[in-house]
Amino acid sequence: MGHYETCRRGIGRPVQIRMSNGAVHRGVIDRVSPGRVFLRPLGGRNYGGYGYGWGWGGFGTGLAIGAIAAIAFLPFFW
């Protein structure tokens, strides 16, 4: 299963995504397009890397699906 399908099945779930450049992003999958996955910050806080005005209403960030190296679903929010 590719990253697109994994992200689509994980909408609404907390994840940690490691990008091919080594950057790590944590959040809740908000929506998925064929080229991007959009994350909301966990717990409504502004974690580093989020809230740049991308996504819906400035509360999420869009990550390129083609640049994702790994996806891990988180068992809980912290």
PDB file of N, CA and C in Angstrom:
ATOM      1  N   MET A   1       0.847  -1.169   0.000  1.00  0.00           N
ATOM      2  CA  MET A   1       0.000   0.000   0.000  1.00  0.00           C
ATOM      3  C   MET A   1       0.897   1.240   0.000  1.00  0.00           C
ATOM      4  N   GLY A   2       0.585   2.206  -0.824  1.00  0.00           N
ATOM      5  CA  GLY A   2       1.375   3.431  -0.922  1.00  0.00           C
ATOM      6  C   GLY A   2       1.011   4.438   0.160  1.00  0.00           C
ATOM      7  N   HIS A   3       1.780   5.519   0.224  1.00  0.00           N
ATOM      8  CA  HIS A   3       1.550   6.540   1.233  1.00  0.00           C
ATOM      9  C   HIS A   3       0.185   7.215   1.065  1.00  0.00           C
ATOM     10  N   TYR A   4      -0.254   7.404  -0.167  1.00  0.00           N
ATOM     11  CA  TYR A   4      -1.556   8.023  -0.409  1.00  0.00           C
ATOM     12  C   TYR A   4      -2.674   7.202   0.237  1.00  0.00           C
ATOM     13  N   GLU A   5      -2.684   5.895  -0.021  1.00  0.00           N
ATOM     14  CA  GLU A   5      -3.726   5.024   0.528  1.00  0.00           C
ATOM     15  C   GLU A   5      -3.638   4.959   2.049  1.00  0.00           C
ATOM     16  N   THR A   6      -2.417   4.894   2.575  1.00  0.00           N
ATOM     17  CA  THR A   6      -2.230   4.852   4.027  1.00  0.00           C
ATOM     18  C   THR A   6      -2.777   6.122   4.666  1.00  0.00           C
ATOM     19  N   CYS A   7      -2.484   7.260   4.083  1.00  0.00           N
ATOM     20  CA  CYS A   7      -2.974   8.526   4.617  1.00  0.00           C
ATOM     21  C   CYS A   7      -4.486   8.629   4.509  1.00  0.00           C
ATOM     22  N   ARG A   8      -5.053   8.203   3.400  1.00  0.00           N
ATOM     23  CA  ARG A   8      -6.514   8.246   3.233  1.00  0.00           C
ATOM     24  C   ARG A   8      -7.206   7.419   4.299  1.00  0.00           C
ATOM     25  N   ARG A   9      -6.671   6.262   4.599  1.00  0.00           N
ATOM     26  CA  ARG A   9      -7.278   5.392   5.623  1.00  0.00           C
ATOM     27  C   ARG A   9      -7.073   5.940   7.033  1.00  0.00           C
ATOM     28  N   GLY A  10      -6.124   6.864   7.188  1.00  0.00           N
ATOM     29  CA  GLY A  10      -5.811   7.391   8.498  1.00  0.00           C
ATOM     30  C   GLY A  10      -6.392   8.757   8.798  1.00  0.00           C
ATOM     31  N   ILE A  11      -7.315   9.241   7.980  1.00  0.00           N
ATOM     32  CA  ILE A  11      -7.914  10.558   8.228  1.00  0.00           C
ATOM     33  C   ILE A  11      -8.540  10.561   9.621  1.00  0.00           C
ATOM     34  N   GLY A  12      -8.188  11.596  10.407  1.00  0.00           N
ATOM     35  CA  GLY A  12      -8.703  11.724  11.765  1.00  0.00           C
ATOM     36  C   GLY A  12      -7.822  11.077  12.816  1.00  0.00           C
ATOM     37  N   ARG A  13      -6.751  10.405  12.403  1.00  0.00           N
ATOM     38  CA  ARG A  13      -5.861   9.722  13.342  1.00  0.00           C
ATOM     39  C   ARG A  13      -4.557  10.502  13.511  1.00  0.00           C
ATOM     40  N   PRO A  14      -3.974  10.439  14.723  1.00  0.00           N
ATOM     41  CA  PRO A  14      -2.681  11.103  14.946  1.00  0.00           C
ATOM     42  C   PRO A  14      -1.543  10.313  14.309  1.00  0.00           C
ATOM     43  N   VAL A  15      -0.603  11.011  13.691  1.00  0.00           N
ATOM     44  CA  VAL A  15       0.513  10.368  13.008  1.00  0.00           C
ATOM     45  C   VAL A  15       1.814  11.116  13.258  1.00  0.00           C
ATOM     46  N   GLN A  16       2.890  10.409  13.001  1.00  0.00           N
ATOM     47  CA  GLN A  16       4.219  11.017  12.901  1.00  0.00           C
ATOM     48  C   GLN A  16       4.711  10.689  11.512  1.00  0.00           C
ATOM     49  N   ILE A  17       5.088  11.716  10.762  1.00  0.00           N
ATOM     50  CA  ILE A  17       5.551  11.524   9.388  1.00  0.00           C
ATOM     51  C   ILE A  17       6.995  11.986   9.293  1.00  0.00           C
ATOM     52  N   ARG A  18       7.844  11.109   8.810  1.00  0.00           N
ATOM     53  CA  ARG A  18       9.242  11.448   8.570  1.00  0.00           C
ATOM     54  C   ARG A  18       9.403  11.678   7.075  1.00  0.00           C
ATOM     55  N   MET A  19       9.957  12.852   6.740  1.00  0.00           N
ATOM     56  CA  MET A  19      10.149  13.219   5.349  1.00  0.00           C
ATOM     57  C   MET A  19      11.505  12.696   4.856  1.00  0.00           C
ATOM     58  N   SER A  20      11.681  12.650   3.553  1.00  0.00           N
ATOM     59  CA  SER A  20      12.929  12.146   2.976  1.00  0.00           C
ATOM     60  C   SER A  20      14.125  13.023   3.345  1.00  0.00           C
ATOM     61  N   ASN A  21      13.895  14.277   3.737  1.00  0.00           N
ATOM     62  CA  ASN A  21      14.992  15.155   4.147  1.00  0.00           C
ATOM     63  C   ASN A  21      15.291  15.061   5.646  1.00  0.00           C
ATOM     64  N   GLY A  22      14.585  14.172   6.355  1.00  0.00           N
ATOM     65  CA  GLY A  22      14.814  13.954   7.779  1.00  0.00           C
ATOM     66  C   GLY A  22      13.887  14.714   8.704  1.00  0.00           C
ATOM     67  N   ALA A  23      13.123  15.662   8.179  1.00  0.00           N
ATOM     68  CA  ALA A  23      12.188  16.427   9.010  1.00  0.00           C
ATOM     69  C   ALA A  23      11.084  15.508   9.530  1.00  0.00           C
ATOM     70  N   VAL A  24      10.654  15.751  10.758  1.00  0.00           N
ATOM     71  CA  VAL A  24       9.594  14.958  11.376  1.00  0.00           C
ATOM     72  C   VAL A  24       8.421  15.885  11.688  1.00  0.00           C
ATOM     73  N   HIS A  25       7.213  15.465  11.310  1.00  0.00           N
ATOM     74  CA  HIS A  25       5.993  16.226  11.553  1.00  0.00           C
ATOM     75  C   HIS A  25       5.023  15.330  12.307  1.00  0.00           C
ATOM     76  N   ARG A  26       4.381  15.896  13.326  1.00  0.00           N
ATOM     77  CA  ARG A  26       3.351  15.177  14.075  1.00  0.00           C
ATOM     78  C   ARG A  26       2.058  15.962  13.999  1.00  0.00           C
ATOM     79  N   GLY A  27       0.943  15.247  13.846  1.00  0.00           N
ATOM     80  CA  GLY A  27      -0.355  15.898  13.797  1.00  0.00           C
ATOM     81  C   GLY A  27      -1.436  14.895  13.493  1.00  0.00           C
ATOM     82  N   VAL A  28      -2.619  15.397  13.287  1.00  0.00           N
ATOM     83  CA  VAL A  28      -3.781  14.579  12.936  1.00  0.00           C
ATOM     84  C   VAL A  28      -4.041  14.770  11.454  1.00  0.00           C
ATOM     85  N   ILE A  29      -4.200  13.677  10.729  1.00  0.00           N
ATOM     86  CA  ILE A  29      -4.482  13.777   9.301  1.00  0.00           C
ATOM     87  C   ILE A  29      -5.856  14.415   9.125  1.00  0.00           C
ATOM     88  N   ASP A  30      -5.877  15.561   8.473  1.00  0.00           N
ATOM     89  CA  ASP A  30      -7.102  16.321   8.279  1.00  0.00           C
ATOM     90  C   ASP A  30      -7.747  15.991   6.939  1.00  0.00           C
ATOM     91  N   ARG A  31      -6.941  15.975   5.910  1.00  0.00           N
ATOM     92  CA  ARG A  31      -7.435  15.625   4.565  1.00  0.00           C
ATOM     93  C   ARG A  31      -6.254  15.199   3.712  1.00  0.00           C
ATOM     94  N   VAL A  32      -6.572  14.563   2.591  1.00  0.00           N
ATOM     95  CA  VAL A  32      -5.545  14.029   1.704  1.00  0.00           C
ATOM     96  C   VAL A  32      -5.950  14.320   0.269  1.00  0.00           C
ATOM     97  N   SER A  33      -5.002  14.828  -0.513  1.00  0.00           N
ATOM     98  CA  SER A  33      -5.197  15.000  -1.950  1.00  0.00           C
ATOM     99  C   SER A  33      -4.196  14.070  -2.632  1.00  0.00           C
ATOM    100  N   PRO A  34      -4.289  13.890  -3.931  1.00  0.00           N
ATOM    101  CA  PRO A  34      -3.333  12.999  -4.601  1.00  0.00           C
ATOM    102  C   PRO A  34      -1.874  13.407  -4.420  1.00  0.00           C
ATOM    103  N   GLY A  35      -1.596  14.681  -4.134  1.00  0.00           N
ATOM    104  CA  GLY A  35      -0.215  15.116  -4.006  1.00  0.00           C
ATOM    105  C   GLY A  35       0.209  15.551  -2.612  1.00  0.00           C
ATOM    106  N   ARG A  36      -0.768  15.736  -1.696  1.00  0.00           N
ATOM    107  CA  ARG A  36      -0.439  16.258  -0.363  1.00  0.00           C
ATOM    108  C   ARG A  36      -1.284  15.606   0.714  1.00  0.00           C
ATOM    109  N   VAL A  37      -0.709  15.568   1.912  1.00  0.00           N
ATOM    110  CA  VAL A  37      -1.461  15.190   3.109  1.00  0.00           C
ATOM    111  C   VAL A  37      -1.439  16.413   4.024  1.00  0.00           C
ATOM    112  N   PHE A  38      -2.597  16.766   4.570  1.00  0.00           N
ATOM    113  CA  PHE A  38      -2.735  17.954   5.399  1.00  0.00           C
ATOM    114  C   PHE A  38      -2.905  17.533   6.853  1.00  0.00           C
ATOM    115  N   LEU A  39      -2.059  18.084   7.729  1.00  0.00           N
ATOM    116  CA  LEU A  39      -2.078  17.753   9.144  1.00  0.00           C
ATOM    117  C   LEU A  39      -2.565  18.930   9.970  1.00  0.00           C
ATOM    118  N   ARG A  40      -3.341  18.609  11.027  1.00  0.00           N
ATOM    119  CA  ARG A  40      -3.694  19.583  12.051  1.00  0.00           C
ATOM    120  C   ARG A  40      -2.762  19.338  13.231  1.00  0.00           C
ATOM    121  N   PRO A  41      -2.401  20.356  13.984  1.00  0.00           N
ATOM    122  CA  PRO A  41      -1.559  20.157  15.169  1.00  0.00           C
ATOM    123  C   PRO A  41      -2.261  19.268  16.192  1.00  0.00           C
ATOM    124  N   LEU A  42      -1.506  18.525  16.952  1.00  0.00           N
ATOM    125  CA  LEU A  42      -2.066  17.685  18.010  1.00  0.00           C
ATOM    126  C   LEU A  42      -2.565  18.551  19.156  1.00  0.00           C
ATOM    127  N   GLY A  43      -3.707  18.221  19.701  1.00  0.00           N
ATOM    128  CA  GLY A  43      -4.224  18.885  20.883  1.00  0.00           C
ATOM    129  C   GLY A  43      -4.530  20.359  20.737  1.00  0.00           C
ATOM    130  N   GLY A  44      -4.605  20.872  19.522  1.00  0.00           N
ATOM    131  CA  GLY A  44      -4.916  22.267  19.310  1.00  0.00           C
ATOM    132  C   GLY A  44      -3.757  23.213  19.590  1.00  0.00           C
ATOM    133  N   ARG A  45      -2.574  22.691  19.851  1.00  0.00           N
ATOM    134  CA  ARG A  45      -1.410  23.540  20.099  1.00  0.00           C
ATOM    135  C   ARG A  45      -0.680  23.810  18.805  1.00  0.00           C
ATOM    136  N   ASN A  46       0.147  24.820  18.798  1.00  0.00           N
ATOM    137  CA  ASN A  46       0.934  25.146  17.623  1.00  0.00           C
ATOM    138  C   ASN A  46       2.329  24.547  17.767  1.00  0.00           C
ATOM    139  N   TYR A  47       2.509  23.322  17.332  1.00  0.00           N
ATOM    140  CA  TYR A  47       3.800  22.656  17.389  1.00  0.00           C
ATOM    141  C   TYR A  47       4.701  23.209  16.298  1.00  0.00           C
ATOM    142  N   GLY A  48       6.002  23.093  16.494  1.00  0.00           N
ATOM    143  CA  GLY A  48       6.955  23.578  15.503  1.00  0.00           C
ATOM    144  C   GLY A  48       6.680  22.995  14.134  1.00  0.00           C
ATOM    145  N   GLY A  49       6.647  23.850  13.129  1.00  0.00           N
ATOM    146  CA  GLY A  49       6.410  23.389  11.778  1.00  0.00           C
ATOM    147  C   GLY A  49       4.972  23.503  11.330  1.00  0.00           C
ATOM    148  N   TYR A  50       4.061  23.872  12.239  1.00  0.00           N
ATOM    149  CA  TYR A  50       2.657  23.954  11.883  1.00  0.00           C
ATOM    150  C   TYR A  50       2.155  25.379  11.992  1.00  0.00           C
ATOM    151  N   GLY A  51       1.003  25.642  11.385  1.00  0.00           N
ATOM    152  CA  GLY A  51       0.360  26.929  11.506  1.00  0.00           C
ATOM    153  C   GLY A  51       0.926  28.007  10.602  1.00  0.00           C
ATOM    154  N   TYR A  52       1.495  27.641   9.483  1.00  0.00           N
ATOM    155  CA  TYR A  52       2.044  28.626   8.561  1.00  0.00           C
ATOM    156  C   TYR A  52       0.999  29.230   7.646  1.00  0.00           C
ATOM    157  N   GLY A  53      -0.258  28.866   7.826  1.00  0.00           N
ATOM    158  CA  GLY A  53      -1.308  29.410   6.977  1.00  0.00           C
ATOM    159  C   GLY A  53      -1.671  28.500   5.826  1.00  0.00           C
ATOM    160  N   TRP A  54      -1.083  27.298   5.775  1.00  0.00           N
ATOM    161  CA  TRP A  54      -1.467  26.337   4.748  1.00  0.00           C
ATOM    162  C   TRP A  54      -2.598  25.487   5.294  1.00  0.00           C
ATOM    163  N   GLY A  55      -3.244  24.746   4.435  1.00  0.00           N
ATOM    164  CA  GLY A  55      -4.326  23.874   4.901  1.00  0.00           C
ATOM    165  C   GLY A  55      -5.605  24.678   5.053  1.00  0.00           C
ATOM    166  N   TRP A  56      -6.442  24.275   5.999  1.00  0.00           N
ATOM    167  CA  TRP A  56      -7.738  24.918   6.182  1.00  0.00           C
ATOM    168  C   TRP A  56      -7.649  25.982   7.247  1.00  0.00           C
ATOM    169  N   GLY A  57      -7.909  27.218   6.913  1.00  0.00           N
ATOM    170  CA  GLY A  57      -7.989  28.294   7.871  1.00  0.00           C
ATOM    171  C   GLY A  57      -6.695  28.585   8.609  1.00  0.00           C
ATOM    172  N   GLY A  58      -5.561  28.181   8.096  1.00  0.00           N
ATOM    173  CA  GLY A  58      -4.301  28.468   8.744  1.00  0.00           C
ATOM    174  C   GLY A  58      -3.960  27.536   9.884  1.00  0.00           C
ATOM    175  N   PHE A  59      -4.710  26.439  10.063  1.00  0.00           N
ATOM    176  CA  PHE A  59      -4.488  25.552  11.196  1.00  0.00           C
ATOM    177  C   PHE A  59      -3.866  24.228  10.814  1.00  0.00           C
ATOM    178  N   GLY A  60      -3.206  24.147   9.686  1.00  0.00           N
ATOM    179  CA  GLY A  60      -2.579  22.901   9.294  1.00  0.00           C
ATOM    180  C   GLY A  60      -1.492  23.148   8.283  1.00  0.00           C
ATOM    181  N   THR A  61      -0.798  22.077   7.928  1.00  0.00           N
ATOM    182  CA  THR A  61       0.261  22.188   6.942  1.00  0.00           C
ATOM    183  C   THR A  61       0.113  21.069   5.924  1.00  0.00           C
ATOM    184  N   GLY A  62       0.454  21.353   4.681  1.00  0.00           N
ATOM    185  CA  GLY A  62       0.383  20.353   3.627  1.00  0.00           C
ATOM    186  C   GLY A  62       1.762  19.791   3.350  1.00  0.00           C
ATOM    187  N   LEU A  63       1.874  18.478   3.397  1.00  0.00           N
ATOM    188  CA  LEU A  63       3.138  17.795   3.143  1.00  0.00           C
ATOM    189  C   LEU A  63       3.041  17.038   1.826  1.00  0.00           C
ATOM    190  N   ALA A  64       4.079  17.118   1.019  1.00  0.00           N
ATOM    191  CA  ALA A  64       4.086  16.426  -0.268  1.00  0.00           C
ATOM    192  C   ALA A  64       4.163  14.918  -0.039  1.00  0.00           C
ATOM    193  N   ILE A  65       3.208  14.185  -0.578  1.00  0.00           N
ATOM    194  CA  ILE A  65       3.176  12.732  -0.402  1.00  0.00           C
ATOM    195  C   ILE A  65       4.426  12.092  -0.991  1.00  0.00           C
ATOM    196  N   GLY A  66       4.925  12.611  -2.105  1.00  0.00           N
ATOM    197  CA  GLY A  66       6.109  12.042  -2.740  1.00  0.00           C
ATOM    198  C   GLY A  66       7.380  12.189  -1.922  1.00  0.00           C
ATOM    199  N   ALA A  67       7.382  13.085  -0.925  1.00  0.00           N
ATOM    200  CA  ALA A  67       8.570  13.302  -0.098  1.00  0.00           C
ATOM    201  C   ALA A  67       8.508  12.558   1.236  1.00  0.00           C
ATOM    202  N   ILE A  68       7.445  11.786   1.472  1.00  0.00           N
ATOM    203  CA  ILE A  68       7.304  11.045   2.722  1.00  0.00           C
ATOM    204  C   ILE A  68       8.184   9.805   2.691  1.00  0.00           C
ATOM    205  N   ALA A  69       8.988   9.648   3.738  1.00  0.00           N
ATOM    206  CA  ALA A  69       9.834   8.462   3.868  1.00  0.00           C
ATOM    207  C   ALA A  69       9.156   7.405   4.732  1.00  0.00           C
ATOM    208  N   ALA A  70       8.443   7.822   5.806  1.00  0.00           N
ATOM    209  CA  ALA A  70       7.800   6.863   6.709  1.00  0.00           C
ATOM    210  C   ALA A  70       6.615   7.513   7.406  1.00  0.00           C
ATOM    211  N   ILE A  71       5.600   6.692   7.707  1.00  0.00           N
ATOM    212  CA  ILE A  71       4.418   7.121   8.433  1.00  0.00           C
ATOM    213  C   ILE A  71       4.224   6.181   9.605  1.00  0.00           C
ATOM    214  N   ALA A  72       4.030   6.745  10.804  1.00  0.00           N
ATOM    215  CA  ALA A  72       3.738   5.933  11.988  1.00  0.00           C
ATOM    216  C   ALA A  72       2.498   6.505  12.653  1.00  0.00           C
ATOM    217  N   PHE A  73       1.497   5.657  12.870  1.00  0.00           N
ATOM    218  CA  PHE A  73       0.300   6.095  13.575  1.00  0.00           C
ATOM    219  C   PHE A  73       0.591   6.094  15.068  1.00  0.00           C
ATOM    220  N   LEU A  74       0.178   7.158  15.757  1.00  0.00           N
ATOM    221  CA  LEU A  74       0.434   7.312  17.179  1.00  0.00           C
ATOM    222  C   LEU A  74      -0.742   6.768  17.969  1.00  0.00           C
ATOM    223  N   PRO A  75      -0.468   6.049  19.070  1.00  0.00           N
ATOM    224  CA  PRO A  75      -1.552   5.449  19.836  1.00  0.00           C
ATOM    225  C   PRO A  75      -2.329   6.442  20.703  1.00  0.00           C
ATOM    226  N   PHE A  76      -1.791   7.657  20.907  1.00  0.00           N
ATOM    227  CA  PHE A  76      -2.442   8.620  21.776  1.00  0.00           C
ATOM    228  C   PHE A  76      -1.922  10.019  21.449  1.00  0.00           C
ATOM    229  N   PHE A  77      -2.629  11.023  21.974  1.00  0.00           N
ATOM    230  CA  PHE A  77      -2.192  12.410  21.853  1.00  0.00           C
ATOM    231  C   PHE A  77      -1.339  12.716  23.068  1.00  0.00           C
ATOM    232  N   TRP A  78      -0.336  13.591  22.908  1.00  0.00           N
ATOM    233  CA  TRP A  78       0.403  14.043  24.092  1.00  0.00           C
ATOM    234  C   TRP A  78       0.444  15.532  24.153  1.00  0.00           C
TER     235      TRP A  78
END
